[in-house]
């Protein structure tokens, strides 16, 4: 079994995907109390360390094979103040410290697309250099001075100590079967002494494949036993012509992007009344306005977001072909993030949506971890099935004409 340490665990999306790829979680480190409640509902409470990572002694963890986590994204988020390393919430130094002290065989970190902005380029390069040479300690308080020193070591090629082969890539979760257009930077490192070559898995799903099913074969509409809307019909001929010009008579090789309708199939309309713990309760009051628009049901969802002060925006609404909108329930948002239906998210609707908005889609985590584990830990794998994570079964049970609650 692969022993894993999870940092900045949040609701556990990254953790769940990694677990299903074959890892055994030895510890979760998370400071948010509501997220810790979620973790304790789904995992043994004794492995949940509710603590500020700055206070954690990593020496207490032994025989750790793999470290993963999502350092807080606010310092690099386009929607935030974008202070980067000057933001006190920048926890990359502590993630690097964990690598330095435990020297796992591999690690994986996830963060927002904003991390790759030009304004952060120097600091991001410094992060990568530190992850590549974690045993080289900083000698100066100025990170730029340290970055320059690491850069010289890297350029020389003379370093003989233990290092990591580090790769990073901007990935769209929709390209791997997640019913959500969510772009995130994933950083993966493999310890150099293992002499293992690895690269990110190829995309498996595409927008063109979805468009082909909609406008060339019509299989998407047939699968759901519905007719396309007037809006869809109006673009059908132009889309078909463009697709056939690009692909000829053969469809794209990938599987179609998974849509909101695909993900929510089989679910009944949300309940208006129920117990506080009911994850499929309707929340009323959804409205569209400029910059606050819903996710079209026949497309992958927009990125589920945590929102300001726990109040998510219009991306967390379904938009139907007739223009009506309503908020996702917690259960529906879990499906959009590819959590198993029976994975419990603790807290009120706004708190649960905050946790889900901060989570890594389970399927994306699973795809990357499985690819990585197959290379790094071929003799330690005991993979779980992915059947509990929502995979569209192409059932014709989720009708767009069902009652829309607002």
Protein backbone atom coordinates (compact mmCIF):
# COMPACT_ATOMS: atom_id res chain seq x y z
CA UNK A 1 0.00 0.00 0.00
CA UNK A 2 1.13 3.55 -0.76
CA UNK A 3 1.35 5.67 2.41
CA UNK A 4 0.13 9.18 1.68
CA UNK A 5 0.26 12.47 3.58
CA UNK A 6 -2.34 15.03 2.53
CA UNK A 7 -1.68 18.73 3.14
CA UNK A 8 -4.29 21.51 2.89
CA UNK A 9 -6.85 18.73 2.56
CA UNK A 10 -10.03 20.81 2.39
CA UNK A 11 -13.09 18.68 1.69
CA UNK A 12 -10.93 15.84 0.39
CA UNK A 13 -11.44 15.85 -3.40
CA UNK A 14 -7.75 15.36 -4.13
CA UNK A 15 -7.54 12.86 -1.28
CA UNK A 16 -10.48 10.79 -2.53
CA UNK A 17 -9.09 10.54 -6.04
CA UNK A 18 -5.67 9.56 -4.70
CA UNK A 19 -7.20 6.99 -2.37
CA UNK A 20 -9.11 5.41 -5.24
CA UNK A 21 -5.85 5.20 -7.20
CA UNK A 22 -4.38 2.99 -4.47
CA UNK A 23 -3.06 5.18 -1.65
CA UNK A 24 -3.67 4.79 2.09
CA UNK A 25 -3.94 8.11 3.86
CA UNK A 26 -1.80 8.26 6.97
CA UNK A 27 -2.75 11.84 7.85
CA UNK A 28 -4.72 14.87 6.70
CA UNK A 29 -3.49 18.33 7.69
CA UNK A 30 -6.21 20.99 7.50
CA UNK A 31 -6.88 24.09 9.59
CA UNK A 32 -10.51 24.84 8.64
CA UNK A 33 -12.87 23.32 11.22
CA UNK A 34 -15.77 22.71 8.81
CA UNK A 35 -13.51 20.96 6.33
CA UNK A 36 -12.15 18.84 9.19
CA UNK A 37 -15.71 17.87 10.09
CA UNK A 38 -16.17 16.73 6.50
CA UNK A 39 -12.95 14.69 6.61
CA UNK A 40 -13.97 13.06 9.92
CA UNK A 41 -17.33 12.07 8.43
CA UNK A 42 -15.58 10.22 5.62
CA UNK A 43 -12.31 9.03 7.19
CA UNK A 44 -11.09 7.88 10.62
CA UNK A 45 -10.98 10.91 12.91
CA UNK A 46 -7.56 9.97 14.30
CA UNK A 47 -5.84 10.74 11.00
CA UNK A 48 -7.35 14.23 10.73
CA UNK A 49 -4.94 16.85 12.13
CA UNK A 50 -6.88 20.08 12.59
CA UNK A 51 -3.93 22.42 12.69
CA UNK A 52 -2.16 25.32 11.05
CA UNK A 53 0.50 23.73 8.89
CA UNK A 54 3.04 26.16 10.34
CA UNK A 55 2.64 24.38 13.68
CA UNK A 56 2.93 20.82 12.33
CA UNK A 57 6.00 18.71 13.12
CA UNK A 58 6.45 16.60 10.00
CA UNK A 59 8.90 14.35 11.85
CA UNK A 60 5.93 12.64 13.51
CA UNK A 61 5.00 11.04 10.18
CA UNK A 62 6.99 7.99 9.11
CA UNK A 63 7.39 5.95 5.92
CA UNK A 64 5.51 8.45 3.77
CA UNK A 65 5.63 7.45 0.10
CA UNK A 66 3.55 10.25 -1.36
CA UNK A 67 2.64 13.82 -0.41
CA UNK A 68 -0.20 15.75 -2.02
CA UNK A 69 -2.18 18.88 -1.41
CA UNK A 70 -3.64 22.12 -2.65
CA UNK A 71 -1.85 25.08 -1.04
CA UNK A 72 -4.21 28.05 -0.57
CA UNK A 73 -4.94 29.63 -3.94
CA UNK A 74 -5.93 33.12 -2.77
CA UNK A 75 -2.43 34.61 -3.15
CA UNK A 76 -2.47 33.72 -6.85
CA UNK A 77 -6.17 33.86 -7.73
CA UNK A 78 -7.28 36.33 -10.38
CA UNK A 79 -10.27 37.12 -8.19
CA UNK A 80 -8.10 37.94 -5.15
CA UNK A 81 -5.60 40.65 -4.29
CA UNK A 82 -2.84 38.74 -6.12
CA UNK A 83 -0.08 39.44 -3.62
CA UNK A 84 1.63 36.13 -4.39
CA UNK A 85 4.54 35.39 -2.07
CA UNK A 86 3.83 38.61 -0.17
CA UNK A 87 0.48 37.20 0.95
CA UNK A 88 0.69 35.59 4.39
CA UNK A 89 -1.53 32.80 3.04
CA UNK A 90 1.20 31.62 0.67
CA UNK A 91 1.86 28.15 2.05
CA UNK A 92 4.16 26.80 -0.65
CA UNK A 93 7.20 27.21 1.64
CA UNK A 94 5.58 24.83 4.13
CA UNK A 95 4.64 22.33 1.43
CA UNK A 96 8.28 22.39 0.30
CA UNK A 97 9.38 21.92 3.92
CA UNK A 98 7.30 18.74 4.11
CA UNK A 99 9.04 17.40 1.00
CA UNK A 100 12.43 18.34 2.45
CA UNK A 101 11.86 16.55 5.73
CA UNK A 102 10.08 13.40 4.51
CA UNK A 103 11.59 12.93 1.02
CA UNK A 104 8.67 10.92 -0.39
CA UNK A 105 9.04 9.01 -3.63
CA UNK A 106 6.63 11.39 -5.33
CA UNK A 107 4.40 14.39 -4.70
CA UNK A 108 1.53 16.25 -6.35
CA UNK A 109 0.30 19.80 -5.73
CA UNK A 110 -2.61 21.67 -7.30
CA UNK A 111 -3.32 25.38 -7.61
CA UNK A 112 -5.18 27.96 -9.67
CA UNK A 113 -4.39 28.99 -13.22
CA UNK A 114 -3.37 32.42 -11.92
CA UNK A 115 -0.17 30.89 -10.58
CA UNK A 116 1.12 30.92 -14.17
CA UNK A 117 0.54 34.63 -14.69
CA UNK A 118 3.54 36.60 -15.89
CA UNK A 119 3.55 38.67 -12.71
CA UNK A 120 4.27 35.50 -10.72
CA UNK A 121 6.70 33.94 -13.22
CA UNK A 122 9.85 34.53 -11.18
CA UNK A 123 8.32 33.29 -7.96
CA UNK A 124 6.73 30.27 -9.64
CA UNK A 125 10.10 29.34 -11.10
CA UNK A 126 11.52 29.63 -7.58
CA UNK A 127 8.83 27.24 -6.31
CA UNK A 128 9.77 24.70 -8.99
CA UNK A 129 13.48 25.04 -8.21
CA UNK A 130 12.85 24.50 -4.48
CA UNK A 131 10.78 21.41 -5.22
CA UNK A 132 13.55 20.17 -7.53
CA UNK A 133 16.27 20.70 -4.89
CA UNK A 134 14.38 20.56 -1.56
CA UNK A 135 17.50 19.69 0.45
CA UNK A 136 19.22 22.94 -0.45
CA UNK A 137 18.25 25.35 2.31
CA UNK A 138 17.72 29.05 1.71
CA UNK A 139 20.66 31.14 2.94
CA UNK A 140 19.16 34.59 2.52
CA UNK A 141 15.92 36.23 3.62
CA UNK A 142 15.42 37.62 0.13
CA UNK A 143 13.78 34.93 -1.99
CA UNK A 144 15.19 36.44 -5.20
CA UNK A 145 18.71 35.94 -3.93
CA UNK A 146 17.91 32.33 -3.10
CA UNK A 147 16.24 31.84 -6.47
CA UNK A 148 19.34 33.10 -8.26
CA UNK A 149 21.53 30.68 -6.28
CA UNK A 150 19.27 27.74 -7.11
CA UNK A 151 19.18 28.84 -10.72
CA UNK A 152 22.97 28.70 -10.92
CA UNK A 153 23.01 25.21 -9.42
CA UNK A 154 20.36 24.06 -11.86
CA UNK A 155 22.16 25.54 -14.86
CA UNK A 156 25.48 23.97 -13.87
CA UNK A 157 24.12 20.43 -13.85
CA UNK A 158 26.71 19.54 -11.21
CA UNK A 159 24.37 18.85 -8.30
CA UNK A 160 25.03 15.33 -6.95
CA UNK A 161 22.54 15.25 -4.08
CA UNK A 162 19.01 13.90 -4.04
CA UNK A 163 16.66 15.87 -6.26
CA UNK A 164 13.24 15.57 -7.86
CA UNK A 165 12.22 15.51 -11.48
CA UNK A 166 9.43 18.08 -11.47
CA UNK A 167 6.81 18.70 -14.12
CA UNK A 168 3.83 21.03 -14.19
CA UNK A 169 0.93 21.54 -16.55
CA UNK A 170 -2.25 23.55 -16.87
CA UNK A 171 -5.10 21.04 -17.14
CA UNK A 172 -8.80 21.45 -17.92
CA UNK A 173 -10.79 18.99 -15.82
CA UNK A 174 -13.39 18.67 -18.61
CA UNK A 175 -10.72 17.06 -20.80
CA UNK A 176 -10.57 14.14 -18.34
CA UNK A 177 -14.27 13.40 -17.92
CA UNK A 178 -15.22 15.92 -15.25
CA UNK A 179 -18.52 17.68 -16.02
CA UNK A 180 -16.93 21.06 -15.39
CA UNK A 181 -14.66 23.45 -17.26
CA UNK A 182 -12.07 23.92 -14.52
CA UNK A 183 -8.48 24.89 -15.33
CA UNK A 184 -5.89 24.17 -12.69
CA UNK A 185 -2.10 23.95 -12.48
CA UNK A 186 -0.85 20.55 -11.34
CA UNK A 187 2.75 20.10 -10.18
CA UNK A 188 4.18 16.58 -9.94
CA UNK A 189 7.62 15.50 -8.72
CA UNK A 190 9.31 12.09 -8.72
CA UNK A 191 12.48 11.46 -6.71
CA UNK A 192 15.44 11.37 -9.03
CA UNK A 193 17.09 8.25 -7.61
CA UNK A 194 14.10 6.20 -8.79
CA UNK A 195 15.09 6.92 -12.40
CA UNK A 196 11.47 6.97 -13.59
CA UNK A 197 10.19 8.74 -16.68
CA UNK A 198 6.60 9.99 -16.48
CA UNK A 199 4.38 12.52 -18.18
CA UNK A 200 0.86 13.79 -17.66
CA UNK A 201 -1.85 11.50 -19.07
CA UNK A 202 -3.30 12.38 -22.46
CA UNK A 203 -6.70 14.00 -22.57
CA UNK A 204 -9.58 11.56 -22.91
CA UNK A 205 -12.54 13.89 -23.57
CA UNK A 206 -13.05 16.84 -25.90
CA UNK A 207 -15.50 19.60 -26.76
CA UNK A 208 -15.40 18.66 -30.44
CA UNK A 209 -16.55 15.13 -29.60
CA UNK A 210 -19.53 16.60 -27.73
CA UNK A 211 -20.32 18.93 -30.62
CA UNK A 212 -20.13 15.95 -33.02
CA UNK A 213 -22.72 14.09 -30.94
CA UNK A 214 -24.95 17.14 -30.87
CA UNK A 215 -24.72 18.42 -34.44
CA UNK A 216 -23.55 15.54 -36.65
CA UNK A 217 -25.03 12.33 -35.27
CA UNK A 218 -27.58 13.75 -32.84
CA UNK A 219 -26.67 10.97 -30.41
CA UNK A 220 -26.54 13.37 -27.46
CA UNK A 221 -30.21 14.30 -27.82
CA UNK A 222 -31.27 10.73 -28.53
CA UNK A 223 -29.40 9.50 -25.47
CA UNK A 224 -31.38 11.88 -23.28
CA UNK A 225 -34.62 11.38 -25.21
CA UNK A 226 -35.05 15.10 -25.82
CA UNK A 227 -35.11 17.52 -28.72
CA UNK A 228 -32.48 20.26 -29.05
CA UNK A 229 -33.56 23.76 -28.13
CA UNK A 230 -34.11 26.51 -30.69
CA UNK A 231 -30.72 27.94 -29.73
CA UNK A 232 -29.04 24.60 -30.42
CA UNK A 233 -30.95 24.15 -33.68
CA UNK A 234 -29.94 27.58 -34.93
CA UNK A 235 -26.25 26.65 -34.91
CA UNK A 236 -26.58 23.03 -36.01
CA UNK A 237 -25.84 23.46 -39.72
CA UNK A 238 -22.86 25.75 -39.25
CA UNK A 239 -21.41 23.48 -36.55
CA UNK A 240 -21.89 20.35 -38.65
CA UNK A 241 -20.18 21.95 -41.65
CA UNK A 242 -17.25 23.11 -39.55
CA UNK A 243 -16.82 19.73 -37.84
CA UNK A 244 -16.94 17.76 -41.09
CA UNK A 245 -14.42 20.12 -42.64
CA UNK A 246 -12.12 19.44 -39.68
CA UNK A 247 -12.63 15.68 -39.27
CA UNK A 248 -14.16 14.42 -42.51
CA UNK A 249 -16.50 11.48 -42.00
CA UNK A 250 -14.76 10.19 -38.88
CA UNK A 251 -15.63 11.54 -35.43
CA UNK A 252 -13.01 12.89 -33.00
CA UNK A 253 -11.08 10.16 -31.19
CA UNK A 254 -11.90 11.42 -27.70
CA UNK A 255 -15.01 10.81 -25.63
CA UNK A 256 -17.46 13.74 -25.53
CA UNK A 257 -17.17 16.27 -22.73
CA UNK A 258 -19.55 15.36 -19.91
CA UNK A 259 -22.36 17.88 -19.51
CA UNK A 260 -24.36 19.00 -16.49
CA UNK A 261 -27.31 17.01 -17.83
CA UNK A 262 -25.11 13.91 -18.08
CA UNK A 263 -23.85 14.34 -14.53
CA UNK A 264 -27.25 14.92 -12.93
CA UNK A 265 -29.16 12.23 -14.75
CA UNK A 266 -31.30 10.09 -12.51
CA UNK A 267 -31.63 12.70 -9.77
CA UNK A 268 -35.12 13.86 -8.81
CA UNK A 269 -36.03 17.53 -8.51
CA UNK A 270 -34.58 19.07 -5.34
CA UNK A 271 -36.68 19.00 -2.18
CA UNK A 272 -38.21 22.20 -0.87
CA UNK A 273 -38.41 20.83 2.65
CA UNK A 274 -36.19 18.40 4.52
CA UNK A 275 -33.78 17.97 7.39
CA UNK A 276 -30.76 20.23 7.70
CA UNK A 277 -28.50 17.33 6.72
CA UNK A 278 -30.31 16.76 3.42
CA UNK A 279 -27.85 17.44 0.59
CA UNK A 280 -30.56 17.72 -2.09
CA UNK A 281 -32.48 20.62 -0.57
CA UNK A 282 -33.56 23.43 -2.86
CA UNK A 283 -32.12 26.87 -2.19
CA UNK A 284 -34.32 29.60 -3.63
CA UNK A 285 -33.48 33.05 -4.92
CA UNK A 286 -31.26 32.28 -7.90
CA UNK A 287 -31.11 35.17 -10.35
CA UNK A 288 -28.97 36.11 -13.32
CA UNK A 289 -27.36 39.49 -13.80
CA UNK A 290 -24.20 40.84 -15.41
CA UNK A 291 -21.23 38.74 -14.38
CA UNK A 292 -23.52 36.31 -12.56
CA UNK A 293 -24.78 33.79 -15.11
CA UNK A 294 -25.60 30.13 -14.73
CA UNK A 295 -24.03 27.00 -16.18
CA UNK A 296 -25.87 25.76 -19.26
CA UNK A 297 -27.27 22.29 -18.68
CA UNK A 298 -26.06 20.92 -22.02
CA UNK A 299 -22.47 22.02 -21.47
CA UNK A 300 -19.96 21.10 -18.78
CA UNK A 301 -20.53 23.33 -15.77
CA UNK A 302 -18.63 26.54 -15.31
CA UNK A 303 -16.01 26.30 -12.58
CA UNK A 304 -17.63 25.66 -9.21
CA UNK A 305 -16.32 28.47 -7.01
CA UNK A 306 -16.05 29.00 -3.29
CA UNK A 307 -17.22 32.59 -3.66
CA UNK A 308 -16.71 35.58 -1.41
CA UNK A 309 -17.43 34.91 2.24
CA UNK A 310 -18.78 31.48 1.36
CA UNK A 311 -21.42 32.82 -1.05
CA UNK A 312 -20.85 31.29 -4.51
CA UNK A 313 -21.68 33.16 -7.66
CA UNK A 314 -23.67 32.46 -10.79
CA UNK A 315 -21.34 29.65 -11.86
CA UNK A 316 -23.07 27.56 -9.18
CA UNK A 317 -26.44 27.78 -10.91
CA UNK A 318 -27.97 25.55 -13.57
CA UNK A 319 -29.27 27.41 -16.60
CA UNK A 320 -32.02 25.65 -18.56
CA UNK A 321 -32.74 26.07 -22.30
CA UNK A 322 -35.73 28.31 -21.52
CA UNK A 323 -33.45 30.70 -19.63
CA UNK A 324 -34.59 29.80 -16.13
CA UNK A 325 -31.94 29.24 -13.47
CA UNK A 326 -31.67 27.69 -10.03
CA UNK A 327 -28.85 26.98 -7.62
CA UNK A 328 -27.11 23.62 -7.53
CA UNK A 329 -27.93 21.57 -4.48
CA UNK A 330 -25.02 20.18 -2.49
CA UNK A 331 -25.62 16.76 -4.02
CA UNK A 332 -25.58 18.19 -7.53
CA UNK A 333 -22.41 20.17 -6.85
CA UNK A 334 -20.79 16.97 -5.55
CA UNK A 335 -21.60 15.32 -8.86
CA UNK A 336 -20.16 18.25 -10.78
CA UNK A 337 -16.98 17.79 -8.71
CA UNK A 338 -17.26 13.98 -9.23
CA UNK A 339 -17.47 13.11 -5.54
CA UNK A 340 -19.30 9.86 -4.76
CA UNK A 341 -22.94 10.49 -3.85
CA UNK A 342 -22.34 8.99 -0.41
CA UNK A 343 -19.39 11.27 0.40
CA UNK A 344 -20.71 13.60 3.08
CA UNK A 345 -20.01 17.35 3.04
CA UNK A 346 -20.53 18.98 6.45
CA UNK A 347 -21.99 22.43 7.04
CA UNK A 348 -24.71 24.70 5.69
CA UNK A 349 -25.35 25.09 1.96
CA UNK A 350 -23.01 28.09 1.70
CA UNK A 351 -20.29 26.36 3.73
CA UNK A 352 -20.63 23.11 1.78
CA UNK A 353 -20.44 25.04 -1.50
CA UNK A 354 -17.33 26.83 -0.24
CA UNK A 355 -15.68 23.48 0.46
CA UNK A 356 -16.76 22.06 -2.88
CA UNK A 357 -15.60 25.20 -4.70
CA UNK A 358 -12.14 24.78 -3.20
CA UNK A 359 -11.93 21.05 -3.92
CA UNK A 360 -10.01 19.25 -6.64
CA UNK A 361 -12.40 17.21 -8.83
CA UNK A 362 -12.12 13.61 -7.66
CA UNK A 363 -11.91 12.20 -11.17
CA UNK A 364 -9.11 14.54 -12.22
CA UNK A 365 -7.13 13.64 -9.10
CA UNK A 366 -7.74 9.96 -9.75
CA UNK A 367 -6.65 10.05 -13.39
CA UNK A 368 -3.36 11.79 -12.58
CA UNK A 369 -2.64 9.72 -9.46
CA UNK A 370 -3.36 6.44 -11.20
CA UNK A 371 -1.06 7.32 -14.07
CA UNK A 372 1.65 8.34 -11.61
CA UNK A 373 1.23 5.37 -9.28
CA UNK A 374 1.38 2.89 -12.15
CA UNK A 375 4.91 4.15 -12.81
CA UNK A 376 6.22 4.89 -9.32
CA UNK A 377 4.49 2.23 -7.20
CA UNK A 378 3.72 -0.71 -9.52
CA UNK A 379 4.13 -3.26 -6.71
CA UNK A 380 2.22 -1.34 -4.03
CA UNK A 381 -1.10 -0.76 -5.75
CA UNK A 382 -4.48 -1.84 -4.46
CA UNK A 383 -6.75 0.34 -6.54
CA UNK A 384 -10.34 1.00 -5.65
CA UNK A 385 -12.98 1.07 -8.36
CA UNK A 386 -14.29 4.35 -9.65
CA UNK A 387 -17.90 3.20 -9.79
CA UNK A 388 -19.03 5.32 -6.85
CA UNK A 389 -17.88 8.49 -8.54
CA UNK A 390 -20.53 9.72 -10.90
CA UNK A 391 -19.89 8.58 -14.44
CA UNK A 392 -22.67 9.36 -16.90
CA UNK A 393 -24.52 6.14 -17.62
CA UNK A 394 -26.32 7.67 -20.61
CA UNK A 395 -29.70 6.96 -19.01
CA UNK A 396 -32.68 8.83 -20.39
CA UNK A 397 -34.09 9.82 -17.02
CA UNK A 398 -33.24 13.47 -16.46
CA UNK A 399 -35.77 15.43 -18.48
CA UNK A 400 -35.35 19.14 -19.21
CA UNK A 401 -39.12 19.43 -18.97
CA UNK A 402 -39.09 18.38 -15.32
CA UNK A 403 -40.33 21.00 -12.89
CA UNK A 404 -37.77 23.77 -12.44
CA UNK A 405 -37.74 25.04 -8.88
CA UNK A 406 -36.52 28.59 -8.23
